[in-house]
C-alpha atoms as a PDB file:
ATOM      1  CA  UNK A   1      56.568  23.309  71.645  1.00  0.00           C
ATOM      2  CA  UNK A   2      55.888  24.462  68.104  1.00  0.00           C
ATOM      3  CA  UNK A   3      59.342  25.657  67.103  1.00  0.00           C
ATOM      4  CA  UNK A   4      58.229  26.769  63.638  1.00  0.00           C
ATOM      5  CA  UNK A   5      55.612  29.052  65.175  1.00  0.00           C
ATOM      6  CA  UNK A   6      58.150  30.448  67.618  1.00  0.00           C
ATOM      7  CA  UNK A   7      60.590  31.031  64.779  1.00  0.00           C
ATOM      8  CA  UNK A   8      57.935  33.023  62.909  1.00  0.00           C
ATOM      9  CA  UNK A   9      57.394  35.228  65.952  1.00  0.00           C
ATOM     10  CA  UNK A  10      61.117  35.768  66.507  1.00  0.00           C
ATOM     11  CA  UNK A  11      61.646  36.739  62.878  1.00  0.00           C
ATOM     12  CA  UNK A  12      58.734  39.178  63.103  1.00  0.00           C
ATOM     13  CA  UNK A  13      60.434  40.742  66.125  1.00  0.00           C
ATOM     14  CA  UNK A  14      63.574  41.353  64.093  1.00  0.00           C
ATOM     15  CA  UNK A  15      61.553  42.926  61.296  1.00  0.00           C
ATOM     16  CA  UNK A  16      60.032  45.356  63.810  1.00  0.00           C
ATOM     17  CA  UNK A  17      63.414  46.792  64.837  1.00  0.00           C
ATOM     18  CA  UNK A  18      65.330  46.820  61.536  1.00  0.00           C
ATOM     19  CA  UNK A  19      64.738  50.554  61.139  1.00  0.00           C
ATOM     20  CA  UNK A  20      66.882  51.186  64.224  1.00  0.00           C
ATOM     21  CA  UNK A  21      69.934  49.318  62.914  1.00  0.00           C
ATOM     22  CA  UNK A  22      72.185  51.490  60.725  1.00  0.00           C
ATOM     23  CA  UNK A  23      73.242  50.012  57.409  1.00  0.00           C
ATOM     24  CA  UNK A  24      76.526  48.106  57.620  1.00  0.00           C
ATOM     25  CA  UNK A  25      76.308  47.600  61.398  1.00  0.00           C
ATOM     26  CA  UNK A  26      78.182  44.888  63.222  1.00  0.00           C
ATOM     27  CA  UNK A  27      75.535  43.283  65.451  1.00  0.00           C
ATOM     28  CA  UNK A  28      75.748  41.112  68.560  1.00  0.00           C
ATOM     29  CA  UNK A  29      72.689  39.096  69.559  1.00  0.00           C
ATOM     30  CA  UNK A  30      72.621  38.018  73.206  1.00  0.00           C
ATOM     31  CA  UNK A  31      70.676  34.804  73.822  1.00  0.00           C
ATOM     32  CA  UNK A  32      70.639  33.701  70.207  1.00  0.00           C
ATOM     33  CA  UNK A  33      69.095  30.259  70.795  1.00  0.00           C
ATOM     34  CA  UNK A  34      68.727  28.423  67.504  1.00  0.00           C
ATOM     35  CA  UNK A  35      70.053  31.412  65.565  1.00  0.00           C
ATOM     36  CA  UNK A  36      66.748  32.321  63.906  1.00  0.00           C
ATOM     37  CA  UNK A  37      67.065  36.021  64.607  1.00  0.00           C
ATOM     38  CA  UNK A  38      70.784  36.131  63.868  1.00  0.00           C
ATOM     39  CA  UNK A  39      70.114  34.512  60.504  1.00  0.00           C
ATOM     40  CA  UNK A  40      67.328  37.006  59.835  1.00  0.00           C
ATOM     41  CA  UNK A  41      69.704  39.876  60.541  1.00  0.00           C
ATOM     42  CA  UNK A  42      72.311  38.372  58.213  1.00  0.00           C
ATOM     43  CA  UNK A  43      69.678  38.103  55.462  1.00  0.00           C
ATOM     44  CA  UNK A  44      69.181  41.860  55.832  1.00  0.00           C
ATOM     45  CA  UNK A  45      72.868  42.519  55.274  1.00  0.00           C
ATOM     46  CA  UNK A  46      74.199  42.817  58.834  1.00  0.00           C
ATOM     47  CA  UNK A  47      77.420  41.256  60.093  1.00  0.00           C
ATOM     48  CA  UNK A  48      75.904  39.335  62.996  1.00  0.00           C
ATOM     49  CA  UNK A  49      77.327  37.332  65.896  1.00  0.00           C
ATOM     50  CA  UNK A  50      75.101  35.293  68.198  1.00  0.00           C
ATOM     51  CA  UNK A  51      76.009  34.168  71.711  1.00  0.00           C
ATOM     52  CA  UNK A  52      74.172  32.016  74.252  1.00  0.00           C
ATOM     53  CA  UNK A  53      74.766  29.859  77.304  1.00  0.00           C
ATOM     54  CA  UNK A  54      74.508  26.083  77.455  1.00  0.00           C
ATOM     55  CA  UNK A  55      71.266  24.490  78.586  1.00  0.00           C
ATOM     56  CA  UNK A  56      71.384  24.644  82.377  1.00  0.00           C
ATOM     57  CA  UNK A  57      68.347  22.540  83.339  1.00  0.00           C
ATOM     58  CA  UNK A  58      65.625  20.321  81.953  1.00  0.00           C
ATOM     59  CA  UNK A  59      63.321  23.356  81.981  1.00  0.00           C
ATOM     60  CA  UNK A  60      65.521  25.233  79.521  1.00  0.00           C
ATOM     61  CA  UNK A  61      64.865  25.085  75.814  1.00  0.00           C
ATOM     62  CA  UNK A  62      67.760  23.297  74.167  1.00  0.00           C
ATOM     63  CA  UNK A  63      68.252  24.517  70.606  1.00  0.00           C
ATOM     64  CA  UNK A  64      71.562  22.756  70.029  1.00  0.00           C
ATOM     65  CA  UNK A  65      70.237  20.194  67.529  1.00  0.00           C
ATOM     66  CA  UNK A  66      68.220  22.698  65.534  1.00  0.00           C
ATOM     67  CA  UNK A  67      70.619  25.593  65.229  1.00  0.00           C
ATOM     68  CA  UNK A  68      70.697  27.193  61.798  1.00  0.00           C
ATOM     69  CA  UNK A  69      73.482  29.608  62.696  1.00  0.00           C
ATOM     70  CA  UNK A  70      76.876  29.331  64.369  1.00  0.00           C
ATOM     71  CA  UNK A  71      75.969  30.507  67.882  1.00  0.00           C
ATOM     72  CA  UNK A  72      78.925  30.971  70.239  1.00  0.00           C
ATOM     73  CA  UNK A  73      78.502  29.351  73.640  1.00  0.00           C
ATOM     74  CA  UNK A  74      79.852  31.484  76.512  1.00  0.00           C
ATOM     75  CA  UNK A  75      79.702  31.520  80.321  1.00  0.00           C
ATOM     76  CA  UNK A  76      76.860  34.030  80.663  1.00  0.00           C
ATOM     77  CA  UNK A  77      79.074  36.570  82.389  1.00  0.00           C
ATOM     78  CA  UNK A  78      81.953  37.666  80.170  1.00  0.00           C
ATOM     79  CA  UNK A  79      81.085  38.437  76.562  1.00  0.00           C
ATOM     80  CA  UNK A  80      84.047  36.951  74.633  1.00  0.00           C
ATOM     81  CA  UNK A  81      84.950  40.036  72.588  1.00  0.00           C
ATOM     82  CA  UNK A  82      87.205  43.080  73.040  1.00  0.00           C
ATOM     83  CA  UNK A  83      85.967  46.479  74.168  1.00  0.00           C
ATOM     84  CA  UNK A  84      83.863  48.485  71.697  1.00  0.00           C
ATOM     85  CA  UNK A  85      83.494  45.692  69.152  1.00  0.00           C
ATOM     86  CA  UNK A  86      79.854  46.096  68.110  1.00  0.00           C
ATOM     87  CA  UNK A  87      77.722  48.854  66.592  1.00  0.00           C
ATOM     88  CA  UNK A  88      74.471  47.301  67.796  1.00  0.00           C
ATOM     89  CA  UNK A  89      73.622  44.871  70.596  1.00  0.00           C
ATOM     90  CA  UNK A  90      70.257  43.129  70.405  1.00  0.00           C
ATOM     91  CA  UNK A  91      68.316  40.818  72.708  1.00  0.00           C
ATOM     92  CA  UNK A  92      64.814  39.407  72.604  1.00  0.00           C
ATOM     93  CA  UNK A  93      63.140  38.238  75.817  1.00  0.00           C
ATOM     94  CA  UNK A  94      66.508  37.467  77.387  1.00  0.00           C
ATOM     95  CA  UNK A  95      67.256  40.060  80.066  1.00  0.00           C
ATOM     96  CA  UNK A  96      64.657  38.722  82.502  1.00  0.00           C
ATOM     97  CA  UNK A  97      66.508  35.382  82.474  1.00  0.00           C
ATOM     98  CA  UNK A  98      69.836  36.882  83.582  1.00  0.00           C
ATOM     99  CA  UNK A  99      70.196  36.647  87.408  1.00  0.00           C
ATOM    100  CA  UNK A 100      72.958  39.277  87.465  1.00  0.00           C
ATOM    101  CA  UNK A 101      71.033  41.595  85.168  1.00  0.00           C
ATOM    102  CA  UNK A 102      72.424  44.849  86.581  1.00  0.00           C
ATOM    103  CA  UNK A 103      76.048  43.740  86.591  1.00  0.00           C
ATOM    104  CA  UNK A 104      75.639  42.397  83.061  1.00  0.00           C
ATOM    105  CA  UNK A 105      74.766  45.874  81.780  1.00  0.00           C
ATOM    106  CA  UNK A 106      78.403  46.840  82.361  1.00  0.00           C
ATOM    107  CA  UNK A 107      79.512  43.972  80.135  1.00  0.00           C
ATOM    108  CA  UNK A 108      77.091  45.014  77.405  1.00  0.00           C
ATOM    109  CA  UNK A 109      78.396  48.587  77.610  1.00  0.00           C
ATOM    110  CA  UNK A 110      81.979  47.321  77.417  1.00  0.00           C
ATOM    111  CA  UNK A 111      81.605  45.597  74.040  1.00  0.00           C
ATOM    112  CA  UNK A 112      79.318  48.273  72.530  1.00  0.00           C
ATOM    113  CA  UNK A 113      80.957  51.112  70.644  1.00  0.00           C
ATOM    114  CA  UNK A 114      80.583  54.541  72.242  1.00  0.00           C
ATOM    115  CA  UNK A 115      78.329  55.624  69.395  1.00  0.00           C
ATOM    116  CA  UNK A 116      76.479  52.306  69.352  1.00  0.00           C
ATOM    117  CA  UNK A 117      72.849  51.342  69.892  1.00  0.00           C
ATOM    118  CA  UNK A 118      71.384  48.747  72.224  1.00  0.00           C
ATOM    119  CA  UNK A 119      67.984  47.208  71.393  1.00  0.00           C
ATOM    120  CA  UNK A 120      66.114  45.088  73.932  1.00  0.00           C
ATOM    121  CA  UNK A 121      62.745  43.377  73.650  1.00  0.00           C
ATOM    122  CA  UNK A 122      61.515  42.676  77.186  1.00  0.00           C
ATOM    123  CA  UNK A 123      58.266  41.154  78.519  1.00  0.00           C
ATOM    124  CA  UNK A 124      55.289  43.309  79.512  1.00  0.00           C
ATOM    125  CA  UNK A 125      52.709  42.728  82.299  1.00  0.00           C
ATOM    126  CA  UNK A 126      50.034  42.005  79.700  1.00  0.00           C
ATOM    127  CA  UNK A 127      52.017  38.937  78.620  1.00  0.00           C
ATOM    128  CA  UNK A 128      52.200  37.772  82.255  1.00  0.00           C
ATOM    129  CA  UNK A 129      48.392  38.145  82.507  1.00  0.00           C
ATOM    130  CA  UNK A 130      47.571  36.237  79.323  1.00  0.00           C
ATOM    131  CA  UNK A 131      50.195  33.589  80.054  1.00  0.00           C
ATOM    132  CA  UNK A 132      48.459  32.800  83.368  1.00  0.00           C
ATOM    133  CA  UNK A 133      45.064  32.536  81.670  1.00  0.00           C
ATOM    134  CA  UNK A 134      46.348  30.219  78.943  1.00  0.00           C
ATOM    135  CA  UNK A 135      48.387  28.163  81.416  1.00  0.00           C
ATOM    136  CA  UNK A 136      45.250  27.117  83.267  1.00  0.00           C
ATOM    137  CA  UNK A 137      43.173  26.759  80.123  1.00  0.00           C
ATOM    138  CA  UNK A 138      45.654  24.212  78.802  1.00  0.00           C
ATOM    139  CA  UNK A 139      45.965  22.399  82.138  1.00  0.00           C
ATOM    140  CA  UNK A 140      42.206  22.039  82.647  1.00  0.00           C
ATOM    141  CA  UNK A 141      41.768  20.930  79.064  1.00  0.00           C
ATOM    142  CA  UNK A 142      44.288  18.180  79.720  1.00  0.00           C
ATOM    143  CA  UNK A 143      42.465  17.123  82.891  1.00  0.00           C
ATOM    144  CA  UNK A 144      39.167  16.614  81.103  1.00  0.00           C
ATOM    145  CA  UNK A 145      40.819  14.794  78.237  1.00  0.00           C
ATOM    146  CA  UNK A 146      42.132  12.013  80.523  1.00  0.00           C
ATOM    147  CA  UNK A 147      40.400   8.676  80.295  1.00  0.00           C
ATOM    148  CA  UNK A 148      38.080   7.897  83.190  1.00  0.00           C
ATOM    149  CA  UNK A 149      39.953   4.654  83.787  1.00  0.00           C
ATOM    150  CA  UNK A 150      43.176   6.518  84.342  1.00  0.00           C
ATOM    151  CA  UNK A 151      41.461   8.939  86.698  1.00  0.00           C
ATOM    152  CA  UNK A 152      40.069   5.990  88.690  1.00  0.00           C
ATOM    153  CA  UNK A 153      43.568   4.583  89.042  1.00  0.00           C
ATOM    154  CA  UNK A 154      44.775   7.878  90.505  1.00  0.00           C
ATOM    155  CA  UNK A 155      41.950   7.883  93.051  1.00  0.00           C
ATOM    156  CA  UNK A 156      42.394   4.206  93.958  1.00  0.00           C
ATOM    157  CA  UNK A 157      46.119   4.561  94.559  1.00  0.00           C
ATOM    158  CA  UNK A 158      45.668   7.956  96.279  1.00  0.00           C
ATOM    159  CA  UNK A 159      48.464   9.292  94.134  1.00  0.00           C
ATOM    160  CA  UNK A 160      48.091  12.821  92.849  1.00  0.00           C
ATOM    161  CA  UNK A 161      48.401  13.056  89.060  1.00  0.00           C
ATOM    162  CA  UNK A 162      51.544  14.825  87.895  1.00  0.00           C
ATOM    163  CA  UNK A 163      49.293  17.537  86.476  1.00  0.00           C
ATOM    164  CA  UNK A 164      48.217  18.711  89.933  1.00  0.00           C
ATOM    165  CA  UNK A 165      51.816  19.371  90.856  1.00  0.00           C
ATOM    166  CA  UNK A 166      51.968  21.817  87.976  1.00  0.00           C
ATOM    167  CA  UNK A 167      48.987  23.956  88.954  1.00  0.00           C
ATOM    168  CA  UNK A 168      51.315  26.390  90.708  1.00  0.00           C
ATOM    169  CA  UNK A 169      52.827  28.539  88.008  1.00  0.00           C
ATOM    170  CA  UNK A 170      56.565  29.102  88.104  1.00  0.00           C
ATOM    171  CA  UNK A 171      57.956  32.547  87.609  1.00  0.00           C
ATOM    172  CA  UNK A 172      59.108  33.296  84.086  1.00  0.00           C
ATOM    173  CA  UNK A 173      62.294  35.185  84.858  1.00  0.00           C
ATOM    174  CA  UNK A 174      65.030  35.007  87.481  1.00  0.00           C
ATOM    175  CA  UNK A 175      63.558  37.406  90.033  1.00  0.00           C
ATOM    176  CA  UNK A 176      60.569  37.465  92.339  1.00  0.00           C
ATOM    177  CA  UNK A 177      57.517  35.311  91.673  1.00  0.00           C
ATOM    178  CA  UNK A 178      54.597  35.206  89.261  1.00  0.00           C
ATOM    179  CA  UNK A 179      52.703  38.039  90.952  1.00  0.00           C
ATOM    180  CA  UNK A 180      55.778  40.205  91.421  1.00  0.00           C
ATOM    181  CA  UNK A 181      56.513  39.865  87.697  1.00  0.00           C
ATOM    182  CA  UNK A 182      53.502  42.075  87.013  1.00  0.00           C
ATOM    183  CA  UNK A 183      55.545  44.840  88.620  1.00  0.00           C
ATOM    184  CA  UNK A 184      58.962  43.775  87.336  1.00  0.00           C
ATOM    185  CA  UNK A 185      57.728  43.726  83.737  1.00  0.00           C
ATOM    186  CA  UNK A 186      56.158  47.197  83.880  1.00  0.00           C
ATOM    187  CA  UNK A 187      57.557  49.729  81.474  1.00  0.00           C
ATOM    188  CA  UNK A 188      58.658  51.969  84.364  1.00  0.00           C
ATOM    189  CA  UNK A 189      60.530  49.097  86.007  1.00  0.00           C
ATOM    190  CA  UNK A 190      62.535  48.504  82.848  1.00  0.00           C
ATOM    191  CA  UNK A 191      63.136  52.245  82.526  1.00  0.00           C
ATOM    192  CA  UNK A 192      64.526  52.331  86.053  1.00  0.00           C
ATOM    193  CA  UNK A 193      66.847  49.418  85.337  1.00  0.00           C
ATOM    194  CA  UNK A 194      68.302  51.074  82.249  1.00  0.00           C
ATOM    195  CA  UNK A 195      68.665  54.583  83.656  1.00  0.00           C
ATOM    196  CA  UNK A 196      70.204  53.289  86.886  1.00  0.00           C
ATOM    197  CA  UNK A 197      72.765  51.265  84.904  1.00  0.00           C
ATOM    198  CA  UNK A 198      73.888  54.318  82.941  1.00  0.00           C
ATOM    199  CA  UNK A 199      71.887  53.994  79.726  1.00  0.00           C
ATOM    200  CA  UNK A 200      70.142  56.803  77.890  1.00  0.00           C
ATOM    201  CA  UNK A 201      66.722  55.737  76.610  1.00  0.00           C
ATOM    202  CA  UNK A 202      66.349  57.055  73.062  1.00  0.00           C
ATOM    203  CA  UNK A 203      62.865  55.585  72.674  1.00  0.00           C
ATOM    204  CA  UNK A 204      60.615  52.857  73.984  1.00  0.00           C
ATOM    205  CA  UNK A 205      57.312  51.540  72.688  1.00  0.00           C
ATOM    206  CA  UNK A 206      55.067  48.445  72.614  1.00  0.00           C
ATOM    207  CA  UNK A 207      56.297  45.556  70.490  1.00  0.00           C
ATOM    208  CA  UNK A 208      53.023  45.455  68.572  1.00  0.00           C
ATOM    209  CA  UNK A 209      52.341  41.708  68.761  1.00  0.00           C
ATOM    210  CA  UNK A 210      49.803  39.806  70.865  1.00  0.00           C
ATOM    211  CA  UNK A 211      51.292  36.638  72.333  1.00  0.00           C
ATOM    212  CA  UNK A 212      50.371  34.365  75.226  1.00  0.00           C
ATOM    213  CA  UNK A 213      51.988  31.462  77.014  1.00  0.00           C
ATOM    214  CA  UNK A 214      51.641  27.774  76.145  1.00  0.00           C
ATOM    215  CA  UNK A 215      51.839  28.528  72.415  1.00  0.00           C
ATOM    216  CA  UNK A 216      48.080  29.129  72.710  1.00  0.00           C
ATOM    217  CA  UNK A 217      46.441  29.229  69.247  1.00  0.00           C
ATOM    218  CA  UNK A 218      49.982  29.167  67.846  1.00  0.00           C
ATOM    219  CA  UNK A 219      50.106  29.321  64.068  1.00  0.00           C
ATOM    220  CA  UNK A 220      46.305  29.583  63.934  1.00  0.00           C
ATOM    221  CA  UNK A 221      46.838  33.301  64.534  1.00  0.00           C
ATOM    222  CA  UNK A 222      48.988  34.918  61.861  1.00  0.00           C
ATOM    223  CA  UNK A 223      51.517  37.648  62.601  1.00  0.00           C
ATOM    224  CA  UNK A 224      49.175  40.172  60.979  1.00  0.00           C
ATOM    225  CA  UNK A 225      46.293  39.025  63.173  1.00  0.00           C
ATOM    226  CA  UNK A 226      48.516  39.313  66.242  1.00  0.00           C
ATOM    227  CA  UNK A 227      49.446  42.864  65.279  1.00  0.00           C
ATOM    228  CA  UNK A 228      45.782  43.812  65.088  1.00  0.00           C
ATOM    229  CA  UNK A 229      44.904  42.048  68.350  1.00  0.00           C
ATOM    230  CA  UNK A 230      47.718  43.834  70.181  1.00  0.00           C
ATOM    231  CA  UNK A 231      45.786  47.106  69.747  1.00  0.00           C
ATOM    232  CA  UNK A 232      42.947  45.694  71.854  1.00  0.00           C
ATOM    233  CA  UNK A 233      44.471  42.963  74.025  1.00  0.00           C
ATOM    234  CA  UNK A 234      47.918  44.483  74.510  1.00  0.00           C
ATOM    235  CA  UNK A 235      51.430  43.875  73.269  1.00  0.00           C
ATOM    236  CA  UNK A 236      53.398  41.095  74.926  1.00  0.00           C
ATOM    237  CA  UNK A 237      56.658  43.061  75.052  1.00  0.00           C
ATOM    238  CA  UNK A 238      58.253  46.476  75.317  1.00  0.00           C
ATOM    239  CA  UNK A 239      60.987  47.573  72.924  1.00  0.00           C
ATOM    240  CA  UNK A 240      63.763  49.778  74.281  1.00  0.00           C
ATOM    241  CA  UNK A 241      66.284  51.629  72.118  1.00  0.00           C
ATOM    242  CA  UNK A 242      69.281  52.656  74.213  1.00  0.00           C
ATOM    243  CA  UNK A 243      72.605  54.386  73.867  1.00  0.00           C
ATOM    244  CA  UNK A 244      75.431  54.897  76.304  1.00  0.00           C
ATOM    245  CA  UNK A 245      74.978  57.730  78.761  1.00  0.00           C
ATOM    246  CA  UNK A 246      78.268  59.608  78.610  1.00  0.00           C
ATOM    247  CA  UNK A 247      77.211  62.290  81.109  1.00  0.00           C
END
């Protein structure tokens, strides 16, 4: 994985939501990873705290050795801060990875001030579509790049190459399957989640960046190019600006 490319994308995400963070805000980032976005927020003058869980499997990205910010490790359930601590709570492509996503909304509300703002970047169906396309493009490219000798060995031993075991795409988040994620990642599905968990949606809009899976094209496509492409090929995420529903 090209971590520098991913860092560029994550920093661009922060830049796209800065206008929604009041000056002097105390910010909590959920799922802070290596701390790239937390550090970006600090550079813009915000008092920022980042939290994340420990790596739970070999499939998880482990940012421990490359952290550039002091990210607090917590249990994934109880945010380790008192009630109404933060002015703004921010997450980027994190909510879909929380199994107890509905219950966790209560915990987010608990540590957010009553007048606070919640900002979530969440995946869109267009990302699921392009991630499937690029997944198979990369896999088939790898197949044809194998040496014929190695392929002959696989046939002779009647052992399937590890690649074939990976042709079935795993779901991205913690619910459903790959096909169901087209529905789960719809804008209306996210709207339902937030309204049903007592949030008021102040605004929601496309993230404005084109991004696929497999780091396809990676740094060969600049952030500016990805902004332009998103107008034609779709934005990979939705952005939701929320506040507590006190009704």
